[in-house]
C-alpha atoms as a PDB file:
ATOM      1  CA  UNK A   1       6.825 -52.957 -39.869  1.00  0.00           C
ATOM      2  CA  UNK A   2       7.383 -54.957 -36.741  1.00  0.00           C
ATOM      3  CA  UNK A   3      10.738 -55.523 -35.059  1.00  0.00           C
ATOM      4  CA  UNK A   4      12.498 -57.322 -32.389  1.00  0.00           C
ATOM      5  CA  UNK A   5      14.024 -55.672 -28.733  1.00  0.00           C
ATOM      6  CA  UNK A   6      17.177 -56.871 -29.916  1.00  0.00           C
ATOM      7  CA  UNK A   7      17.339 -54.059 -32.338  1.00  0.00           C
ATOM      8  CA  UNK A   8      15.852 -51.051 -30.180  1.00  0.00           C
ATOM      9  CA  UNK A   9      18.216 -48.577 -28.521  1.00  0.00           C
ATOM     10  CA  UNK A  10      17.062 -47.325 -24.975  1.00  0.00           C
ATOM     11  CA  UNK A  11      18.152 -43.845 -24.011  1.00  0.00           C
ATOM     12  CA  UNK A  12      17.533 -41.608 -21.159  1.00  0.00           C
ATOM     13  CA  UNK A  13      18.089 -37.788 -20.062  1.00  0.00           C
ATOM     14  CA  UNK A  14      18.909 -36.525 -16.779  1.00  0.00           C
ATOM     15  CA  UNK A  15      15.510 -35.900 -15.478  1.00  0.00           C
ATOM     16  CA  UNK A  16      14.394 -39.276 -13.846  1.00  0.00           C
ATOM     17  CA  UNK A  17      17.517 -41.505 -14.331  1.00  0.00           C
ATOM     18  CA  UNK A  18      16.572 -44.467 -11.319  1.00  0.00           C
ATOM     19  CA  UNK A  19      12.915 -44.869 -13.364  1.00  0.00           C
ATOM     20  CA  UNK A  20      14.563 -44.858 -16.640  1.00  0.00           C
ATOM     21  CA  UNK A  21      17.028 -48.102 -15.410  1.00  0.00           C
ATOM     22  CA  UNK A  22      13.878 -49.548 -13.911  1.00  0.00           C
ATOM     23  CA  UNK A  23      12.062 -49.150 -17.425  1.00  0.00           C
ATOM     24  CA  UNK A  24      14.967 -50.439 -18.865  1.00  0.00           C
ATOM     25  CA  UNK A  25      15.223 -53.444 -16.701  1.00  0.00           C
ATOM     26  CA  UNK A  26      11.368 -54.259 -17.186  1.00  0.00           C
ATOM     27  CA  UNK A  27      12.063 -54.026 -20.966  1.00  0.00           C
ATOM     28  CA  UNK A  28      15.129 -56.578 -20.961  1.00  0.00           C
ATOM     29  CA  UNK A  29      17.157 -53.484 -22.680  1.00  0.00           C
ATOM     30  CA  UNK A  30      20.393 -51.792 -21.300  1.00  0.00           C
ATOM     31  CA  UNK A  31      20.572 -47.934 -21.062  1.00  0.00           C
ATOM     32  CA  UNK A  32      22.320 -46.540 -24.241  1.00  0.00           C
ATOM     33  CA  UNK A  33      25.649 -44.410 -23.664  1.00  0.00           C
ATOM     34  CA  UNK A  34      25.364 -40.662 -24.127  1.00  0.00           C
ATOM     35  CA  UNK A  35      27.192 -37.905 -23.043  1.00  0.00           C
ATOM     36  CA  UNK A  36      25.007 -34.972 -21.576  1.00  0.00           C
ATOM     37  CA  UNK A  37      26.806 -31.610 -20.331  1.00  0.00           C
ATOM     38  CA  UNK A  38      27.167 -28.045 -20.817  1.00  0.00           C
ATOM     39  CA  UNK A  39      28.939 -25.610 -22.287  1.00  0.00           C
ATOM     40  CA  UNK A  40      30.866 -22.828 -20.605  1.00  0.00           C
ATOM     41  CA  UNK A  41      27.868 -20.271 -21.085  1.00  0.00           C
ATOM     42  CA  UNK A  42      25.233 -22.996 -19.857  1.00  0.00           C
ATOM     43  CA  UNK A  43      23.779 -24.342 -22.949  1.00  0.00           C
ATOM     44  CA  UNK A  44      23.434 -27.901 -23.295  1.00  0.00           C
ATOM     45  CA  UNK A  45      25.470 -30.507 -24.837  1.00  0.00           C
ATOM     46  CA  UNK A  46      24.648 -33.502 -26.276  1.00  0.00           C
ATOM     47  CA  UNK A  47      26.630 -36.614 -27.850  1.00  0.00           C
ATOM     48  CA  UNK A  48      24.850 -39.906 -28.508  1.00  0.00           C
ATOM     49  CA  UNK A  49      27.655 -42.623 -28.314  1.00  0.00           C
ATOM     50  CA  UNK A  50      25.884 -45.701 -29.973  1.00  0.00           C
ATOM     51  CA  UNK A  51      25.538 -46.442 -33.586  1.00  0.00           C
ATOM     52  CA  UNK A  52      21.398 -45.573 -34.013  1.00  0.00           C
ATOM     53  CA  UNK A  53      21.299 -45.811 -37.720  1.00  0.00           C
ATOM     54  CA  UNK A  54      17.975 -47.464 -38.698  1.00  0.00           C
ATOM     55  CA  UNK A  55      17.200 -48.571 -35.574  1.00  0.00           C
ATOM     56  CA  UNK A  56      14.131 -47.787 -33.478  1.00  0.00           C
ATOM     57  CA  UNK A  57      14.948 -45.536 -30.589  1.00  0.00           C
ATOM     58  CA  UNK A  58      13.578 -44.670 -27.256  1.00  0.00           C
ATOM     59  CA  UNK A  59      13.722 -41.905 -25.434  1.00  0.00           C
ATOM     60  CA  UNK A  60      12.807 -41.347 -21.802  1.00  0.00           C
ATOM     61  CA  UNK A  61      12.273 -38.136 -20.016  1.00  0.00           C
ATOM     62  CA  UNK A  62       9.948 -36.500 -17.481  1.00  0.00           C
ATOM     63  CA  UNK A  63       9.476 -32.509 -17.747  1.00  0.00           C
ATOM     64  CA  UNK A  64       9.353 -31.709 -14.286  1.00  0.00           C
ATOM     65  CA  UNK A  65      11.089 -30.340 -11.132  1.00  0.00           C
ATOM     66  CA  UNK A  66      13.422 -28.236 -14.042  1.00  0.00           C
ATOM     67  CA  UNK A  67      10.930 -28.516 -16.937  1.00  0.00           C
ATOM     68  CA  UNK A  68      12.728 -25.612 -19.235  1.00  0.00           C
ATOM     69  CA  UNK A  69      16.078 -27.363 -18.806  1.00  0.00           C
ATOM     70  CA  UNK A  70      14.830 -31.041 -19.464  1.00  0.00           C
ATOM     71  CA  UNK A  71      12.316 -30.250 -22.542  1.00  0.00           C
ATOM     72  CA  UNK A  72      15.633 -28.524 -24.087  1.00  0.00           C
ATOM     73  CA  UNK A  73      17.612 -31.689 -23.414  1.00  0.00           C
ATOM     74  CA  UNK A  74      15.214 -33.811 -24.616  1.00  0.00           C
ATOM     75  CA  UNK A  75      14.534 -31.599 -27.800  1.00  0.00           C
ATOM     76  CA  UNK A  76      18.304 -32.055 -28.484  1.00  0.00           C
ATOM     77  CA  UNK A  77      18.801 -35.918 -27.562  1.00  0.00           C
ATOM     78  CA  UNK A  78      15.601 -36.110 -30.144  1.00  0.00           C
ATOM     79  CA  UNK A  79      17.451 -33.935 -32.835  1.00  0.00           C
ATOM     80  CA  UNK A  80      20.669 -36.147 -32.253  1.00  0.00           C
ATOM     81  CA  UNK A  81      19.253 -39.327 -32.971  1.00  0.00           C
ATOM     82  CA  UNK A  82      17.322 -38.096 -35.655  1.00  0.00           C
ATOM     83  CA  UNK A  83      20.427 -36.647 -37.695  1.00  0.00           C
ATOM     84  CA  UNK A  84      22.545 -39.870 -36.775  1.00  0.00           C
ATOM     85  CA  UNK A  85      19.686 -41.810 -38.860  1.00  0.00           C
ATOM     86  CA  UNK A  86      17.298 -43.307 -36.567  1.00  0.00           C
ATOM     87  CA  UNK A  87      14.532 -45.372 -38.183  1.00  0.00           C
ATOM     88  CA  UNK A  88      11.839 -44.424 -35.546  1.00  0.00           C
ATOM     89  CA  UNK A  89      11.628 -42.190 -32.605  1.00  0.00           C
ATOM     90  CA  UNK A  90       9.408 -42.849 -29.815  1.00  0.00           C
ATOM     91  CA  UNK A  91       9.558 -40.378 -26.636  1.00  0.00           C
ATOM     92  CA  UNK A  92       8.385 -41.857 -23.326  1.00  0.00           C
ATOM     93  CA  UNK A  93       7.315 -38.957 -20.969  1.00  0.00           C
ATOM     94  CA  UNK A  94       5.954 -40.481 -17.618  1.00  0.00           C
ATOM     95  CA  UNK A  95       4.962 -36.927 -16.866  1.00  0.00           C
ATOM     96  CA  UNK A  96       3.762 -34.360 -19.804  1.00  0.00           C
ATOM     97  CA  UNK A  97       5.097 -31.222 -18.406  1.00  0.00           C
ATOM     98  CA  UNK A  98       3.566 -27.940 -19.734  1.00  0.00           C
ATOM     99  CA  UNK A  99       0.276 -29.515 -19.873  1.00  0.00           C
ATOM    100  CA  UNK A 100      -1.844 -27.414 -17.378  1.00  0.00           C
ATOM    101  CA  UNK A 101      -2.542 -24.795 -20.026  1.00  0.00           C
ATOM    102  CA  UNK A 102      -4.427 -26.484 -22.945  1.00  0.00           C
ATOM    103  CA  UNK A 103      -6.902 -23.694 -23.642  1.00  0.00           C
ATOM    104  CA  UNK A 104      -7.099 -19.924 -23.847  1.00  0.00           C
ATOM    105  CA  UNK A 105      -9.312 -19.477 -20.467  1.00  0.00           C
ATOM    106  CA  UNK A 106      -7.889 -16.084 -19.972  1.00  0.00           C
ATOM    107  CA  UNK A 107      -6.928 -13.375 -22.602  1.00  0.00           C
ATOM    108  CA  UNK A 108      -3.504 -13.458 -24.050  1.00  0.00           C
ATOM    109  CA  UNK A 109      -2.155 -16.861 -22.511  1.00  0.00           C
ATOM    110  CA  UNK A 110      -0.632 -19.017 -24.354  1.00  0.00           C
ATOM    111  CA  UNK A 111      -1.279 -22.680 -25.158  1.00  0.00           C
ATOM    112  CA  UNK A 112       1.804 -24.496 -23.747  1.00  0.00           C
ATOM    113  CA  UNK A 113       0.420 -28.043 -24.052  1.00  0.00           C
ATOM    114  CA  UNK A 114      -0.130 -27.364 -27.796  1.00  0.00           C
ATOM    115  CA  UNK A 115       3.379 -25.750 -27.901  1.00  0.00           C
ATOM    116  CA  UNK A 116       5.437 -28.725 -26.592  1.00  0.00           C
ATOM    117  CA  UNK A 117       3.477 -31.110 -28.812  1.00  0.00           C
ATOM    118  CA  UNK A 118       4.574 -28.948 -31.988  1.00  0.00           C
ATOM    119  CA  UNK A 119       8.332 -28.529 -30.653  1.00  0.00           C
ATOM    120  CA  UNK A 120       8.504 -32.610 -30.186  1.00  0.00           C
ATOM    121  CA  UNK A 121       7.015 -33.322 -33.573  1.00  0.00           C
ATOM    122  CA  UNK A 122       9.402 -30.627 -35.245  1.00  0.00           C
ATOM    123  CA  UNK A 123      12.187 -32.278 -33.379  1.00  0.00           C
ATOM    124  CA  UNK A 124      11.676 -35.803 -35.103  1.00  0.00           C
ATOM    125  CA  UNK A 125       9.310 -37.696 -32.772  1.00  0.00           C
ATOM    126  CA  UNK A 126       7.344 -40.072 -34.323  1.00  0.00           C
ATOM    127  CA  UNK A 127       5.141 -41.469 -31.387  1.00  0.00           C
ATOM    128  CA  UNK A 128       4.794 -40.563 -27.788  1.00  0.00           C
ATOM    129  CA  UNK A 129       4.164 -43.008 -24.635  1.00  0.00           C
ATOM    130  CA  UNK A 130       3.027 -40.804 -21.503  1.00  0.00           C
ATOM    131  CA  UNK A 131       1.021 -41.318 -18.491  1.00  0.00           C
ATOM    132  CA  UNK A 132      -2.218 -40.099 -17.022  1.00  0.00           C
ATOM    133  CA  UNK A 133      -2.597 -36.973 -18.898  1.00  0.00           C
ATOM    134  CA  UNK A 134      -4.009 -33.862 -17.110  1.00  0.00           C
ATOM    135  CA  UNK A 135      -7.176 -33.811 -19.859  1.00  0.00           C
ATOM    136  CA  UNK A 136      -7.162 -36.807 -22.380  1.00  0.00           C
ATOM    137  CA  UNK A 137      -7.639 -34.455 -25.534  1.00  0.00           C
ATOM    138  CA  UNK A 138      -4.237 -33.548 -25.173  1.00  0.00           C
ATOM    139  CA  UNK A 139      -3.663 -36.234 -27.682  1.00  0.00           C
ATOM    140  CA  UNK A 140      -5.340 -34.560 -30.441  1.00  0.00           C
ATOM    141  CA  UNK A 141      -2.441 -31.649 -30.301  1.00  0.00           C
ATOM    142  CA  UNK A 142      -0.032 -34.424 -31.871  1.00  0.00           C
ATOM    143  CA  UNK A 143      -0.260 -35.129 -35.261  1.00  0.00           C
ATOM    144  CA  UNK A 144       1.737 -38.591 -34.206  1.00  0.00           C
ATOM    145  CA  UNK A 145       0.290 -41.395 -32.635  1.00  0.00           C
ATOM    146  CA  UNK A 146       0.225 -40.705 -28.709  1.00  0.00           C
ATOM    147  CA  UNK A 147      -0.345 -43.283 -26.119  1.00  0.00           C
ATOM    148  CA  UNK A 148      -1.449 -42.306 -22.186  1.00  0.00           C
ATOM    149  CA  UNK A 149      -0.985 -45.283 -20.297  1.00  0.00           C
ATOM    150  CA  UNK A 150      -2.701 -45.672 -16.620  1.00  0.00           C
ATOM    151  CA  UNK A 151      -0.952 -45.608 -13.313  1.00  0.00           C
ATOM    152  CA  UNK A 152      -4.202 -46.607 -11.366  1.00  0.00           C
ATOM    153  CA  UNK A 153      -3.538 -50.552 -11.757  1.00  0.00           C
ATOM    154  CA  UNK A 154      -0.267 -50.369  -9.642  1.00  0.00           C
ATOM    155  CA  UNK A 155      -1.735 -47.749  -7.287  1.00  0.00           C
ATOM    156  CA  UNK A 156      -4.716 -49.834  -6.390  1.00  0.00           C
ATOM    157  CA  UNK A 157      -2.614 -52.725  -5.996  1.00  0.00           C
ATOM    158  CA  UNK A 158      -0.210 -51.036  -3.615  1.00  0.00           C
ATOM    159  CA  UNK A 159      -3.509 -49.315  -1.896  1.00  0.00           C
ATOM    160  CA  UNK A 160      -4.736 -52.880  -1.373  1.00  0.00           C
ATOM    161  CA  UNK A 161      -1.728 -54.376  -0.285  1.00  0.00           C
ATOM    162  CA  UNK A 162      -1.652 -51.780   2.648  1.00  0.00           C
ATOM    163  CA  UNK A 163      -5.275 -50.731   3.783  1.00  0.00           C
ATOM    164  CA  UNK A 164      -7.900 -53.127   4.410  1.00  0.00           C
ATOM    165  CA  UNK A 165     -11.486 -51.368   4.038  1.00  0.00           C
ATOM    166  CA  UNK A 166     -14.847 -52.517   3.558  1.00  0.00           C
ATOM    167  CA  UNK A 167     -16.872 -49.712   3.536  1.00  0.00           C
ATOM    168  CA  UNK A 168     -14.811 -47.464   0.843  1.00  0.00           C
ATOM    169  CA  UNK A 169     -15.758 -44.814  -1.375  1.00  0.00           C
ATOM    170  CA  UNK A 170     -13.517 -43.049  -4.085  1.00  0.00           C
ATOM    171  CA  UNK A 171     -13.879 -39.169  -4.265  1.00  0.00           C
ATOM    172  CA  UNK A 172     -12.421 -36.832  -6.641  1.00  0.00           C
ATOM    173  CA  UNK A 173     -11.189 -33.668  -5.371  1.00  0.00           C
ATOM    174  CA  UNK A 174     -12.640 -31.571  -8.157  1.00  0.00           C
ATOM    175  CA  UNK A 175     -14.928 -31.979 -10.939  1.00  0.00           C
ATOM    176  CA  UNK A 176     -11.670 -32.032 -13.608  1.00  0.00           C
ATOM    177  CA  UNK A 177     -11.062 -35.483 -11.901  1.00  0.00           C
ATOM    178  CA  UNK A 178     -14.077 -37.318 -12.102  1.00  0.00           C
ATOM    179  CA  UNK A 179     -12.962 -39.559 -15.178  1.00  0.00           C
ATOM    180  CA  UNK A 180     -10.177 -40.595 -13.367  1.00  0.00           C
ATOM    181  CA  UNK A 181     -11.906 -41.439  -9.814  1.00  0.00           C
ATOM    182  CA  UNK A 182     -14.873 -43.069 -11.640  1.00  0.00           C
ATOM    183  CA  UNK A 183     -12.335 -45.727 -13.151  1.00  0.00           C
ATOM    184  CA  UNK A 184     -10.978 -45.735  -9.529  1.00  0.00           C
ATOM    185  CA  UNK A 185     -14.269 -46.417  -8.259  1.00  0.00           C
ATOM    186  CA  UNK A 186     -15.378 -48.749 -10.898  1.00  0.00           C
ATOM    187  CA  UNK A 187     -11.892 -51.029 -10.628  1.00  0.00           C
ATOM    188  CA  UNK A 188     -12.661 -51.198  -6.659  1.00  0.00           C
ATOM    189  CA  UNK A 189     -16.324 -51.883  -7.168  1.00  0.00           C
ATOM    190  CA  UNK A 190     -17.296 -48.896  -4.749  1.00  0.00           C
ATOM    191  CA  UNK A 191     -19.348 -45.620  -4.967  1.00  0.00           C
ATOM    192  CA  UNK A 192     -18.019 -42.517  -6.218  1.00  0.00           C
ATOM    193  CA  UNK A 193     -18.249 -38.875  -4.521  1.00  0.00           C
ATOM    194  CA  UNK A 194     -17.498 -35.437  -6.107  1.00  0.00           C
ATOM    195  CA  UNK A 195     -16.043 -32.870  -3.904  1.00  0.00           C
ATOM    196  CA  UNK A 196     -16.706 -29.277  -5.671  1.00  0.00           C
ATOM    197  CA  UNK A 197     -13.875 -26.726  -5.887  1.00  0.00           C
ATOM    198  CA  UNK A 198     -13.475 -22.831  -6.642  1.00  0.00           C
ATOM    199  CA  UNK A 199      -9.898 -22.056  -7.591  1.00  0.00           C
ATOM    200  CA  UNK A 200      -9.041 -18.566  -5.791  1.00  0.00           C
ATOM    201  CA  UNK A 201      -5.625 -18.152  -7.321  1.00  0.00           C
ATOM    202  CA  UNK A 202      -2.881 -20.474  -8.971  1.00  0.00           C
ATOM    203  CA  UNK A 203      -2.361 -21.829  -5.391  1.00  0.00           C
ATOM    204  CA  UNK A 204      -5.246 -21.493  -3.019  1.00  0.00           C
ATOM    205  CA  UNK A 205      -8.309 -23.379  -3.594  1.00  0.00           C
ATOM    206  CA  UNK A 206     -11.845 -23.125  -1.760  1.00  0.00           C
ATOM    207  CA  UNK A 207     -13.934 -26.354  -1.236  1.00  0.00           C
ATOM    208  CA  UNK A 208     -17.727 -25.364  -1.960  1.00  0.00           C
ATOM    209  CA  UNK A 209     -19.607 -28.345  -1.605  1.00  0.00           C
ATOM    210  CA  UNK A 210     -19.815 -32.366  -1.660  1.00  0.00           C
ATOM    211  CA  UNK A 211     -21.877 -34.593  -3.832  1.00  0.00           C
ATOM    212  CA  UNK A 212     -22.438 -37.803  -1.873  1.00  0.00           C
ATOM    213  CA  UNK A 213     -22.213 -39.335   1.101  1.00  0.00           C
ATOM    214  CA  UNK A 214     -18.772 -40.052   3.127  1.00  0.00           C
ATOM    215  CA  UNK A 215     -20.432 -40.196   6.683  1.00  0.00           C
ATOM    216  CA  UNK A 216     -18.604 -43.198   8.461  1.00  0.00           C
ATOM    217  CA  UNK A 217     -16.619 -44.537   5.469  1.00  0.00           C
ATOM    218  CA  UNK A 218     -13.136 -44.240   4.349  1.00  0.00           C
ATOM    219  CA  UNK A 219     -12.536 -42.467   1.329  1.00  0.00           C
ATOM    220  CA  UNK A 220      -9.699 -42.869  -1.372  1.00  0.00           C
ATOM    221  CA  UNK A 221      -9.184 -39.603  -2.932  1.00  0.00           C
ATOM    222  CA  UNK A 222      -7.919 -40.169  -6.819  1.00  0.00           C
ATOM    223  CA  UNK A 223      -6.173 -37.098  -8.530  1.00  0.00           C
ATOM    224  CA  UNK A 224      -3.923 -37.380 -11.536  1.00  0.00           C
ATOM    225  CA  UNK A 225      -1.367 -34.706 -10.034  1.00  0.00           C
ATOM    226  CA  UNK A 226      -0.608 -32.980  -6.522  1.00  0.00           C
ATOM    227  CA  UNK A 227       1.353 -29.724  -6.990  1.00  0.00           C
ATOM    228  CA  UNK A 228       0.870 -27.192  -4.062  1.00  0.00           C
ATOM    229  CA  UNK A 229      -1.271 -29.863  -2.435  1.00  0.00           C
ATOM    230  CA  UNK A 230      -4.127 -27.237  -2.269  1.00  0.00           C
ATOM    231  CA  UNK A 231      -7.063 -28.980  -3.800  1.00  0.00           C
ATOM    232  CA  UNK A 232      -6.259 -32.176  -2.468  1.00  0.00           C
ATOM    233  CA  UNK A 233      -5.960 -31.165   1.308  1.00  0.00           C
ATOM    234  CA  UNK A 234      -8.793 -28.970   0.984  1.00  0.00           C
ATOM    235  CA  UNK A 235     -11.147 -31.827  -0.228  1.00  0.00           C
ATOM    236  CA  UNK A 236      -9.704 -34.242   2.441  1.00  0.00           C
ATOM    237  CA  UNK A 237     -10.661 -31.567   5.322  1.00  0.00           C
ATOM    238  CA  UNK A 238     -14.216 -31.244   3.605  1.00  0.00           C
ATOM    239  CA  UNK A 239     -14.385 -35.422   3.879  1.00  0.00           C
ATOM    240  CA  UNK A 240     -13.345 -34.892   7.010  1.00  0.00           C
ATOM    241  CA  UNK A 241     -15.602 -32.650   8.376  1.00  0.00           C
ATOM    242  CA  UNK A 242     -18.723 -34.331   6.485  1.00  0.00           C
ATOM    243  CA  UNK A 243     -17.862 -37.202   8.963  1.00  0.00           C
ATOM    244  CA  UNK A 244     -15.448 -39.819   6.804  1.00  0.00           C
ATOM    245  CA  UNK A 245     -14.032 -42.307   9.159  1.00  0.00           C
ATOM    246  CA  UNK A 246     -10.499 -42.340   7.071  1.00  0.00           C
ATOM    247  CA  UNK A 247      -8.978 -40.759   4.297  1.00  0.00           C
ATOM    248  CA  UNK A 248      -6.192 -41.795   1.772  1.00  0.00           C
ATOM    249  CA  UNK A 249      -5.363 -40.403  -1.759  1.00  0.00           C
ATOM    250  CA  UNK A 250      -3.972 -41.995  -4.810  1.00  0.00           C
ATOM    251  CA  UNK A 251      -1.927 -39.553  -6.862  1.00  0.00           C
ATOM    252  CA  UNK A 252      -0.142 -40.555 -10.517  1.00  0.00           C
ATOM    253  CA  UNK A 253       2.283 -37.569 -10.368  1.00  0.00           C
ATOM    254  CA  UNK A 254       3.540 -36.055  -7.640  1.00  0.00           C
ATOM    255  CA  UNK A 255       5.111 -32.899  -8.262  1.00  0.00           C
ATOM    256  CA  UNK A 256       5.133 -31.653  -4.226  1.00  0.00           C
ATOM    257  CA  UNK A 257       6.510 -28.180  -4.575  1.00  0.00           C
ATOM    258  CA  UNK A 258       6.688 -25.289  -1.686  1.00  0.00           C
ATOM    259  CA  UNK A 259       5.438 -26.313   1.604  1.00  0.00           C
ATOM    260  CA  UNK A 260       2.870 -29.041  -0.081  1.00  0.00           C
ATOM    261  CA  UNK A 261       4.298 -31.994   2.516  1.00  0.00           C
ATOM    262  CA  UNK A 262       3.921 -29.699   5.139  1.00  0.00           C
ATOM    263  CA  UNK A 263       0.055 -29.494   4.178  1.00  0.00           C
ATOM    264  CA  UNK A 264      -0.099 -32.955   3.543  1.00  0.00           C
ATOM    265  CA  UNK A 265       1.447 -33.924   6.831  1.00  0.00           C
ATOM    266  CA  UNK A 266      -1.034 -31.620   8.968  1.00  0.00           C
ATOM    267  CA  UNK A 267      -3.819 -32.712   6.998  1.00  0.00           C
ATOM    268  CA  UNK A 268      -6.395 -35.586   7.701  1.00  0.00           C
ATOM    269  CA  UNK A 269      -4.705 -38.033   4.703  1.00  0.00           C
ATOM    270  CA  UNK A 270      -3.340 -41.058   6.716  1.00  0.00           C
ATOM    271  CA  UNK A 271      -1.540 -42.189   3.674  1.00  0.00           C
ATOM    272  CA  UNK A 272      -0.764 -40.984  -0.077  1.00  0.00           C
ATOM    273  CA  UNK A 273      -0.087 -43.148  -2.730  1.00  0.00           C
ATOM    274  CA  UNK A 274       1.813 -41.829  -5.714  1.00  0.00           C
ATOM    275  CA  UNK A 275       3.563 -43.070  -8.515  1.00  0.00           C
ATOM    276  CA  UNK A 276       7.353 -42.613  -9.604  1.00  0.00           C
ATOM    277  CA  UNK A 277       6.719 -41.102 -12.774  1.00  0.00           C
ATOM    278  CA  UNK A 278       8.505 -37.804 -11.012  1.00  0.00           C
ATOM    279  CA  UNK A 279      11.225 -38.423  -8.770  1.00  0.00           C
ATOM    280  CA  UNK A 280      10.584 -37.669  -5.305  1.00  0.00           C
ATOM    281  CA  UNK A 281      12.174 -34.349  -3.595  1.00  0.00           C
ATOM    282  CA  UNK A 282      13.845 -34.833  -0.324  1.00  0.00           C
ATOM    283  CA  UNK A 283      10.757 -33.706   1.700  1.00  0.00           C
ATOM    284  CA  UNK A 284       8.426 -35.892   0.205  1.00  0.00           C
ATOM    285  CA  UNK A 285      10.940 -39.000   0.056  1.00  0.00           C
ATOM    286  CA  UNK A 286      11.237 -38.736   4.246  1.00  0.00           C
ATOM    287  CA  UNK A 287       7.447 -38.607   4.615  1.00  0.00           C
ATOM    288  CA  UNK A 288       5.886 -41.360   6.469  1.00  0.00           C
ATOM    289  CA  UNK A 289       2.552 -40.431   4.905  1.00  0.00           C
ATOM    290  CA  UNK A 290       3.926 -40.927   1.282  1.00  0.00           C
ATOM    291  CA  UNK A 291       4.288 -44.298  -0.430  1.00  0.00           C
ATOM    292  CA  UNK A 292       6.035 -44.537  -4.147  1.00  0.00           C
ATOM    293  CA  UNK A 293       4.796 -46.941  -6.337  1.00  0.00           C
ATOM    294  CA  UNK A 294       6.791 -48.240  -9.175  1.00  0.00           C
ATOM    295  CA  UNK A 295       5.078 -48.055 -12.389  1.00  0.00           C
ATOM    296  CA  UNK A 296       8.345 -48.874 -14.399  1.00  0.00           C
ATOM    297  CA  UNK A 297       6.830 -52.203 -15.572  1.00  0.00           C
ATOM    298  CA  UNK A 298       4.025 -50.425 -17.011  1.00  0.00           C
ATOM    299  CA  UNK A 299       6.492 -48.578 -19.488  1.00  0.00           C
ATOM    300  CA  UNK A 300       8.546 -51.528 -20.207  1.00  0.00           C
ATOM    301  CA  UNK A 301       5.260 -53.752 -21.629  1.00  0.00           C
ATOM    302  CA  UNK A 302       4.302 -50.526 -23.523  1.00  0.00           C
ATOM    303  CA  UNK A 303       7.701 -50.517 -25.118  1.00  0.00           C
ATOM    304  CA  UNK A 304       7.128 -54.427 -25.837  1.00  0.00           C
ATOM    305  CA  UNK A 305       3.999 -53.385 -27.354  1.00  0.00           C
ATOM    306  CA  UNK A 306       5.548 -50.801 -29.860  1.00  0.00           C
ATOM    307  CA  UNK A 307       7.942 -53.003 -30.823  1.00  0.00           C
ATOM    308  CA  UNK A 308       6.152 -55.840 -31.392  1.00  0.00           C
ATOM    309  CA  UNK A 309       3.074 -54.177 -33.024  1.00  0.00           C
ATOM    310  CA  UNK A 310       0.508 -55.295 -30.334  1.00  0.00           C
ATOM    311  CA  UNK A 311      -2.160 -53.433 -28.620  1.00  0.00           C
ATOM    312  CA  UNK A 312      -1.435 -51.239 -25.529  1.00  0.00           C
ATOM    313  CA  UNK A 313      -4.822 -51.408 -24.731  1.00  0.00           C
ATOM    314  CA  UNK A 314      -4.470 -54.891 -24.237  1.00  0.00           C
ATOM    315  CA  UNK A 315      -2.426 -54.427 -21.025  1.00  0.00           C
ATOM    316  CA  UNK A 316      -5.554 -52.950 -19.161  1.00  0.00           C
ATOM    317  CA  UNK A 317      -8.357 -55.216 -20.298  1.00  0.00           C
ATOM    318  CA  UNK A 318      -8.071 -56.772 -16.991  1.00  0.00           C
ATOM    319  CA  UNK A 319      -9.069 -53.755 -15.180  1.00  0.00           C
ATOM    320  CA  UNK A 320     -11.876 -52.555 -17.030  1.00  0.00           C
END
């Protein structure tokens, strides 16, 4: 049953208030009032200060930077509105934390992506809107509708506005991002190059081969996330060594942990375009190579699609 935006309430946790405000503006909504705090022993306190009975409720929370705290905060907010008789609860996860452990690739390890999906559903979530999942099959971990938006249109728009290249190829920093990089190459109408890597441990990678030609060309490295920057910088160096002229990067989720920005500054990457699904840390925000691109309008459009029972995939028909 469709409803109208006048009946919708929109709340946010404390993980990314600036993005939440931008999404609210894009959707034509006001952020709902809610008290978030802590008990003396550190437990999280939540009180929703709006009447949610019989209303459709959207809650935005990006599970990054302090994932344990923000995940628990989200679960408590969902539980609060469920117990206050909200009609429908939709969670907007700009970045789906704990998504990298999506299978048992070693003995005695958890599948955290599935565990988080179970927790959200048990709390009362009826629908999930996210962006550029680490792997698309994560949608199958849920028994509720999941809509994974694409940050690609906004990142390409920003790239085109700042970079003029008539000899461009898109490169994927590893084989796991081939589908994403192919989508970039298709929209930009350029060729695709694959940089293969070997992961030495959680933070170190080694490039083993480049499949395709980058000699004398501008290269756009496309990936869904950048954490330690090991994969991205290794791929950039490999392309540079093979004769690439200029190197850029487009990343949806910028975690930028540890000395990642130092690595990027010392790398051949001239400009890195990253969406605002995760708030930039201070180091990244002051890095001249990093250009932050807003995706708030995409989440605002998706909210309208959900409320008005329209197809979310129609948002991307012009990009296919």
